[in-house]
C-alpha atoms as a PDB file:
ATOM      1  CA  MET A   1      94.745 119.148 113.193  1.00  0.00           C
ATOM      2  CA  VAL A   2      91.925 117.510 115.097  1.00  0.00           C
ATOM      3  CA  VAL A   3      90.804 119.109 118.352  1.00  0.00           C
ATOM      4  CA  LEU A   4      88.507 117.126 120.630  1.00  0.00           C
ATOM      5  CA  ASN A   5      87.267 119.229 123.519  1.00  0.00           C
ATOM      6  CA  ARG A   6      84.284 117.013 124.321  1.00  0.00           C
ATOM      7  CA  ILE A   7      84.096 113.294 123.725  1.00  0.00           C
ATOM      8  CA  TYR A   8      80.325 113.004 123.726  1.00  0.00           C
ATOM      9  CA  THR A   9      78.119 115.250 121.613  1.00  0.00           C
ATOM     10  CA  ARG A  10      74.709 113.532 121.858  1.00  0.00           C
ATOM     11  CA  THR A  11      74.303 114.024 118.093  1.00  0.00           C
ATOM     12  CA  GLY A  12      74.321 110.260 117.528  1.00  0.00           C
ATOM     13  CA  ASP A  13      71.652 109.401 120.064  1.00  0.00           C
ATOM     14  CA  ALA A  14      69.028 108.888 117.336  1.00  0.00           C
ATOM     15  CA  GLY A  15      71.168 106.338 115.474  1.00  0.00           C
ATOM     16  CA  GLU A  16      72.832 108.673 112.983  1.00  0.00           C
ATOM     17  CA  THR A  17      76.382 109.937 112.610  1.00  0.00           C
ATOM     18  CA  ALA A  18      78.136 112.590 110.544  1.00  0.00           C
ATOM     19  CA  LEU A  19      80.426 111.706 107.659  1.00  0.00           C
ATOM     20  CA  GLY A  20      83.556 113.656 106.797  1.00  0.00           C
ATOM     21  CA  ASN A  21      81.573 115.903 104.444  1.00  0.00           C
ATOM     22  CA  GLY A  22      79.000 116.717 107.142  1.00  0.00           C
ATOM     23  CA  ALA A  23      76.231 114.512 105.729  1.00  0.00           C
ATOM     24  CA  ARG A  24      74.220 112.594 108.328  1.00  0.00           C
ATOM     25  CA  VAL A  25      73.752 108.853 107.776  1.00  0.00           C
ATOM     26  CA  ALA A  26      72.479 105.884 109.757  1.00  0.00           C
ATOM     27  CA  LYS A  27      75.124 104.298 111.948  1.00  0.00           C
ATOM     28  CA  HIS A  28      74.412 100.988 110.196  1.00  0.00           C
ATOM     29  CA  SER A  29      75.106 102.382 106.714  1.00  0.00           C
ATOM     30  CA  HIS A  30      77.585 100.506 104.526  1.00  0.00           C
ATOM     31  CA  ARG A  31      80.055 103.394 104.710  1.00  0.00           C
ATOM     32  CA  VAL A  32      80.008 103.539 108.519  1.00  0.00           C
ATOM     33  CA  THR A  33      80.308  99.742 108.683  1.00  0.00           C
ATOM     34  CA  ALA A  34      83.363  99.866 106.394  1.00  0.00           C
ATOM     35  CA  TYR A  35      85.280 102.515 108.305  1.00  0.00           C
ATOM     36  CA  GLY A  36      84.094 101.085 111.631  1.00  0.00           C
ATOM     37  CA  THR A  37      85.648  97.751 110.691  1.00  0.00           C
ATOM     38  CA  VAL A  38      88.873  99.566 109.786  1.00  0.00           C
ATOM     39  CA  ASP A  39      88.794 101.090 113.277  1.00  0.00           C
ATOM     40  CA  GLU A  40      88.289  97.606 114.765  1.00  0.00           C
ATOM     41  CA  LEU A  41      91.298  96.398 112.776  1.00  0.00           C
ATOM     42  CA  ASN A  42      93.385  99.241 114.173  1.00  0.00           C
ATOM     43  CA  ALA A  43      92.440  98.256 117.723  1.00  0.00           C
ATOM     44  CA  THR A  44      93.347  94.641 116.950  1.00  0.00           C
ATOM     45  CA  ILE A  45      96.765  95.762 115.737  1.00  0.00           C
ATOM     46  CA  GLY A  46      97.164  97.517 119.080  1.00  0.00           C
ATOM     47  CA  LEU A  47      96.932  94.105 120.736  1.00  0.00           C
ATOM     48  CA  ALA A  48      99.502  92.637 118.362  1.00  0.00           C
ATOM     49  CA  ARG A  49     101.868  95.544 119.046  1.00  0.00           C
ATOM     50  CA  LEU A  50     102.046  94.468 122.690  1.00  0.00           C
ATOM     51  CA  HIS A  51     104.050  91.453 121.498  1.00  0.00           C
ATOM     52  CA  ALA A  52     106.181  93.143 118.813  1.00  0.00           C
ATOM     53  CA  THR A  53     109.624  94.689 118.917  1.00  0.00           C
ATOM     54  CA  GLY A  54     112.062  96.286 116.506  1.00  0.00           C
ATOM     55  CA  GLU A  55     111.114  96.594 112.851  1.00  0.00           C
ATOM     56  CA  MET A  56     107.836  94.723 113.316  1.00  0.00           C
ATOM     57  CA  GLU A  57     106.702  97.210 115.948  1.00  0.00           C
ATOM     58  CA  LYS A  58     107.708 100.121 113.706  1.00  0.00           C
ATOM     59  CA  ALA A  59     105.748  98.588 110.820  1.00  0.00           C
ATOM     60  CA  PHE A  60     102.677  98.314 113.056  1.00  0.00           C
ATOM     61  CA  ALA A  61     102.996 102.004 113.923  1.00  0.00           C
ATOM     62  CA  ARG A  62     103.077 102.920 110.206  1.00  0.00           C
ATOM     63  CA  ILE A  63     100.117 100.670 109.442  1.00  0.00           C
ATOM     64  CA  GLN A  64      98.049 102.044 112.317  1.00  0.00           C
ATOM     65  CA  ASN A  65      98.657 105.563 111.040  1.00  0.00           C
ATOM     66  CA  ASP A  66      97.703 104.439 107.516  1.00  0.00           C
ATOM     67  CA  LEU A  67      94.473 102.995 108.900  1.00  0.00           C
ATOM     68  CA  PHE A  68      93.517 106.395 110.289  1.00  0.00           C
ATOM     69  CA  ASP A  69      94.185 107.761 106.787  1.00  0.00           C
ATOM     70  CA  LEU A  70      91.972 104.990 105.422  1.00  0.00           C
ATOM     71  CA  GLY A  71      89.210 105.778 107.914  1.00  0.00           C
ATOM     72  CA  ALA A  72      89.367 109.429 106.884  1.00  0.00           C
ATOM     73  CA  ASP A  73      89.184 108.338 103.232  1.00  0.00           C
ATOM     74  CA  LEU A  74      86.178 106.072 103.768  1.00  0.00           C
ATOM     75  CA  CYS A  75      84.242 108.558 105.910  1.00  0.00           C
ATOM     76  CA  ARG A  76      84.372 111.139 103.124  1.00  0.00           C
ATOM     77  CA  PRO A  77      82.230 110.223 100.089  1.00  0.00           C
ATOM     78  CA  GLU A  78      82.048 112.024  96.746  1.00  0.00           C
ATOM     79  CA  MET A  79      85.605 111.586  95.503  1.00  0.00           C
ATOM     80  CA  GLU A  80      84.734 113.285  92.218  1.00  0.00           C
ATOM     81  CA  ARG A  81      84.010 116.470  94.175  1.00  0.00           C
ATOM     82  CA  ASP A  82      87.232 116.444  96.242  1.00  0.00           C
ATOM     83  CA  THR A  83      88.459 119.558  94.441  1.00  0.00           C
ATOM     84  CA  GLU A  84      85.380 121.445  95.642  1.00  0.00           C
ATOM     85  CA  ALA A  85      86.008 120.597  99.306  1.00  0.00           C
ATOM     86  CA  GLU A  86      86.996 123.280 101.797  1.00  0.00           C
ATOM     87  CA  TYR A  87      90.240 121.336 102.381  1.00  0.00           C
ATOM     88  CA  THR A  88      91.825 118.518 100.401  1.00  0.00           C
ATOM     89  CA  PRO A  89      90.316 115.261 101.690  1.00  0.00           C
ATOM     90  CA  LEU A  90      92.774 112.636 102.862  1.00  0.00           C
ATOM     91  CA  ARG A  91      92.882 109.628 100.525  1.00  0.00           C
ATOM     92  CA  ILE A  92      94.946 106.438 100.476  1.00  0.00           C
ATOM     93  CA  VAL A  93      97.482 106.739  97.645  1.00  0.00           C
ATOM     94  CA  PRO A  94      99.143 104.040  95.500  1.00  0.00           C
ATOM     95  CA  ALA A  95     102.484 104.591  97.281  1.00  0.00           C
ATOM     96  CA  GLN A  96     100.947 103.234 100.490  1.00  0.00           C
ATOM     97  CA  VAL A  97      99.909 100.061  98.656  1.00  0.00           C
ATOM     98  CA  ASP A  98     103.362  99.818  97.042  1.00  0.00           C
ATOM     99  CA  ARG A  99     105.054 100.060 100.446  1.00  0.00           C
ATOM    100  CA  LEU A 100     103.050  97.078 101.706  1.00  0.00           C
ATOM    101  CA  GLU A 101     104.029  95.073  98.629  1.00  0.00           C
ATOM    102  CA  THR A 102     107.706  95.923  99.128  1.00  0.00           C
ATOM    103  CA  GLU A 103     107.525  94.884 102.780  1.00  0.00           C
ATOM    104  CA  ILE A 104     105.711  91.632 101.921  1.00  0.00           C
ATOM    105  CA  ASP A 105     108.376  90.790  99.328  1.00  0.00           C
ATOM    106  CA  ALA A 106     111.182  91.517 101.818  1.00  0.00           C
ATOM    107  CA  MET A 107     109.594  89.366 104.541  1.00  0.00           C
ATOM    108  CA  ASN A 108     108.848  86.574 102.090  1.00  0.00           C
ATOM    109  CA  THR A 109     112.534  86.166 101.172  1.00  0.00           C
ATOM    110  CA  LYS A 110     113.101  84.738 104.686  1.00  0.00           C
ATOM    111  CA  LEU A 111     110.414  82.069 104.314  1.00  0.00           C
ATOM    112  CA  GLN A 112     110.300  78.616 102.789  1.00  0.00           C
ATOM    113  CA  PRO A 113     107.386  78.077 100.384  1.00  0.00           C
ATOM    114  CA  LEU A 114     104.275  76.658 102.012  1.00  0.00           C
ATOM    115  CA  ARG A 115     103.389  73.031 101.317  1.00  0.00           C
ATOM    116  CA  SER A 116     100.146  73.214 103.311  1.00  0.00           C
ATOM    117  CA  PHE A 117      97.757  75.814 104.653  1.00  0.00           C
ATOM    118  CA  ILE A 118      98.694  76.975 108.125  1.00  0.00           C
ATOM    119  CA  LEU A 119      96.510  77.175 111.193  1.00  0.00           C
ATOM    120  CA  PRO A 120      96.382  80.439 113.138  1.00  0.00           C
ATOM    121  CA  GLY A 121      98.633  80.231 116.174  1.00  0.00           C
ATOM    122  CA  GLY A 122     102.156  79.428 117.155  1.00  0.00           C
ATOM    123  CA  SER A 123     103.559  82.413 119.014  1.00  0.00           C
ATOM    124  CA  ALA A 124     101.305  84.976 120.692  1.00  0.00           C
ATOM    125  CA  LEU A 125     102.333  87.558 118.101  1.00  0.00           C
ATOM    126  CA  ALA A 126     101.557  85.196 115.215  1.00  0.00           C
ATOM    127  CA  ALA A 127      98.125  84.426 116.688  1.00  0.00           C
ATOM    128  CA  TYR A 128      97.333  88.137 116.936  1.00  0.00           C
ATOM    129  CA  LEU A 129      98.596  88.688 113.385  1.00  0.00           C
ATOM    130  CA  HIS A 130      96.188  86.037 112.121  1.00  0.00           C
ATOM    131  CA  LEU A 131      93.394  87.832 113.969  1.00  0.00           C
ATOM    132  CA  CYS A 132      94.512  91.074 112.283  1.00  0.00           C
ATOM    133  CA  ARG A 133      94.482  89.258 108.936  1.00  0.00           C
ATOM    134  CA  THR A 134      90.896  88.091 109.352  1.00  0.00           C
ATOM    135  CA  VAL A 135      89.657  91.504 110.506  1.00  0.00           C
ATOM    136  CA  ALA A 136      91.481  93.077 107.529  1.00  0.00           C
ATOM    137  CA  ARG A 137      89.687  90.649 105.207  1.00  0.00           C
ATOM    138  CA  ARG A 138      86.340  91.608 106.758  1.00  0.00           C
ATOM    139  CA  ALA A 139      87.178  95.309 106.370  1.00  0.00           C
ATOM    140  CA  GLU A 140      87.999  94.605 102.733  1.00  0.00           C
ATOM    141  CA  ARG A 141      84.674  92.774 102.219  1.00  0.00           C
ATOM    142  CA  GLU A 142      82.753  95.639 103.838  1.00  0.00           C
ATOM    143  CA  THR A 143      84.591  98.183 101.678  1.00  0.00           C
ATOM    144  CA  VAL A 144      83.987  96.171  98.494  1.00  0.00           C
ATOM    145  CA  ALA A 145      80.285  95.951  99.431  1.00  0.00           C
ATOM    146  CA  LEU A 146      80.284  99.741  99.722  1.00  0.00           C
ATOM    147  CA  THR A 147      81.716 100.031  96.192  1.00  0.00           C
ATOM    148  CA  ALA A 148      78.562  98.359  94.869  1.00  0.00           C
ATOM    149  CA  ILE A 149      76.534 101.281  96.240  1.00  0.00           C
ATOM    150  CA  GLU A 150      78.828 104.327  96.221  1.00  0.00           C
ATOM    151  CA  GLY A 151      82.155 105.417  94.848  1.00  0.00           C
ATOM    152  CA  VAL A 152      85.214 104.379  96.838  1.00  0.00           C
ATOM    153  CA  ASN A 153      88.867 105.161  96.264  1.00  0.00           C
ATOM    154  CA  GLU A 154      90.278 102.074  94.501  1.00  0.00           C
ATOM    155  CA  SER A 155      93.563 102.461  96.387  1.00  0.00           C
ATOM    156  CA  ALA A 156      91.613 101.992  99.634  1.00  0.00           C
ATOM    157  CA  VAL A 157      90.390  98.570  98.497  1.00  0.00           C
ATOM    158  CA  LYS A 158      93.852  97.600  97.247  1.00  0.00           C
ATOM    159  CA  TYR A 159      95.414  98.701 100.527  1.00  0.00           C
ATOM    160  CA  LEU A 160      93.119  96.424 102.536  1.00  0.00           C
ATOM    161  CA  ASN A 161      93.761  93.529 100.170  1.00  0.00           C
ATOM    162  CA  ARG A 162      97.553  93.869 100.494  1.00  0.00           C
ATOM    163  CA  LEU A 163      97.324  94.478 104.215  1.00  0.00           C
ATOM    164  CA  SER A 164      95.703  91.111 104.887  1.00  0.00           C
ATOM    165  CA  ASP A 165      98.513  89.492 102.873  1.00  0.00           C
ATOM    166  CA  TRP A 166     101.029  91.516 104.907  1.00  0.00           C
ATOM    167  CA  PHE A 167      99.577  90.146 108.145  1.00  0.00           C
ATOM    168  CA  PHE A 168      99.710  86.580 106.815  1.00  0.00           C
ATOM    169  CA  VAL A 169     103.402  86.834 105.913  1.00  0.00           C
ATOM    170  CA  ALA A 170     104.222  88.738 109.114  1.00  0.00           C
ATOM    171  CA  GLY A 171     102.502  85.948 111.074  1.00  0.00           C
ATOM    172  CA  ARG A 172     104.886  83.461 109.511  1.00  0.00           C
ATOM    173  CA  ILE A 173     107.837  85.718 110.372  1.00  0.00           C
ATOM    174  CA  ALA A 174     106.567  85.854 113.971  1.00  0.00           C
ATOM    175  CA  ASN A 175     106.589  82.045 113.995  1.00  0.00           C
ATOM    176  CA  ASN A 176     110.366  81.796 113.813  1.00  0.00           C
ATOM    177  CA  ASP A 177     110.422  82.653 110.098  1.00  0.00           C
ATOM    178  CA  GLY A 178     107.845  79.939 109.418  1.00  0.00           C
ATOM    179  CA  ALA A 179     109.681  77.149 111.263  1.00  0.00           C
ATOM    180  CA  ASP A 180     107.025  77.154 114.006  1.00  0.00           C
ATOM    181  CA  ASP A 181     104.005  77.447 111.706  1.00  0.00           C
ATOM    182  CA  ILE A 182     101.248  75.010 112.572  1.00  0.00           C
ATOM    183  CA  LEU A 183     100.390  73.147 109.385  1.00  0.00           C
ATOM    184  CA  TRP A 184      96.899  72.024 108.498  1.00  0.00           C
ATOM    185  CA  VAL A 185      96.671  68.255 108.117  1.00  0.00           C
ATOM    186  CA  PRO A 186      93.623  67.571 105.924  1.00  0.00           C
ATOM    187  CA  GLY A 187      91.322  64.949 107.437  1.00  0.00           C
ATOM    188  CA  ALA A 188      93.610  64.426 110.450  1.00  0.00           C
ATOM    189  CA  ASN A 189      90.739  63.871 112.864  1.00  0.00           C
ATOM    190  CA  ARG A 190      88.489  61.586 110.845  1.00  0.00           C
END
């Protein structure tokens, strides 16, 4: 359980922050950039949720919770030493990736195959879902960049990869099951 008595601590005033294992790093480190982008994605989903109802809104709630799990995963380096930690660190697990795949497959059964790329937009919800998709892709790129420097849970990278696909398909669902998708017309304005 997290207890936050004070919101400001002044410990970051010199441009450093603490990771989940207590280590201090620069706020511009690759690890902080990766989990910071995940946090930005979560805030973006909050905007999309304003336009969602029913099962879509429930899915957003699950995903937002997963993204806090992912942030906890990314802010805690040294996966090989997890067993030595005072408490078991929270990590994204394959079942979370599998759930996204199952949901993508279920949504995709309602859609006609694409014959063109689609432009972000249509309904307000679809537009926000495309924004979520692009922020998820950036979070994935930042996390993959981190893997070139330090160890990262491979399920974390997979989760972000599937999540951007989830947002793409959900955006089509939000556009009247793809009927209101805005199709790209190559060279239309030449």
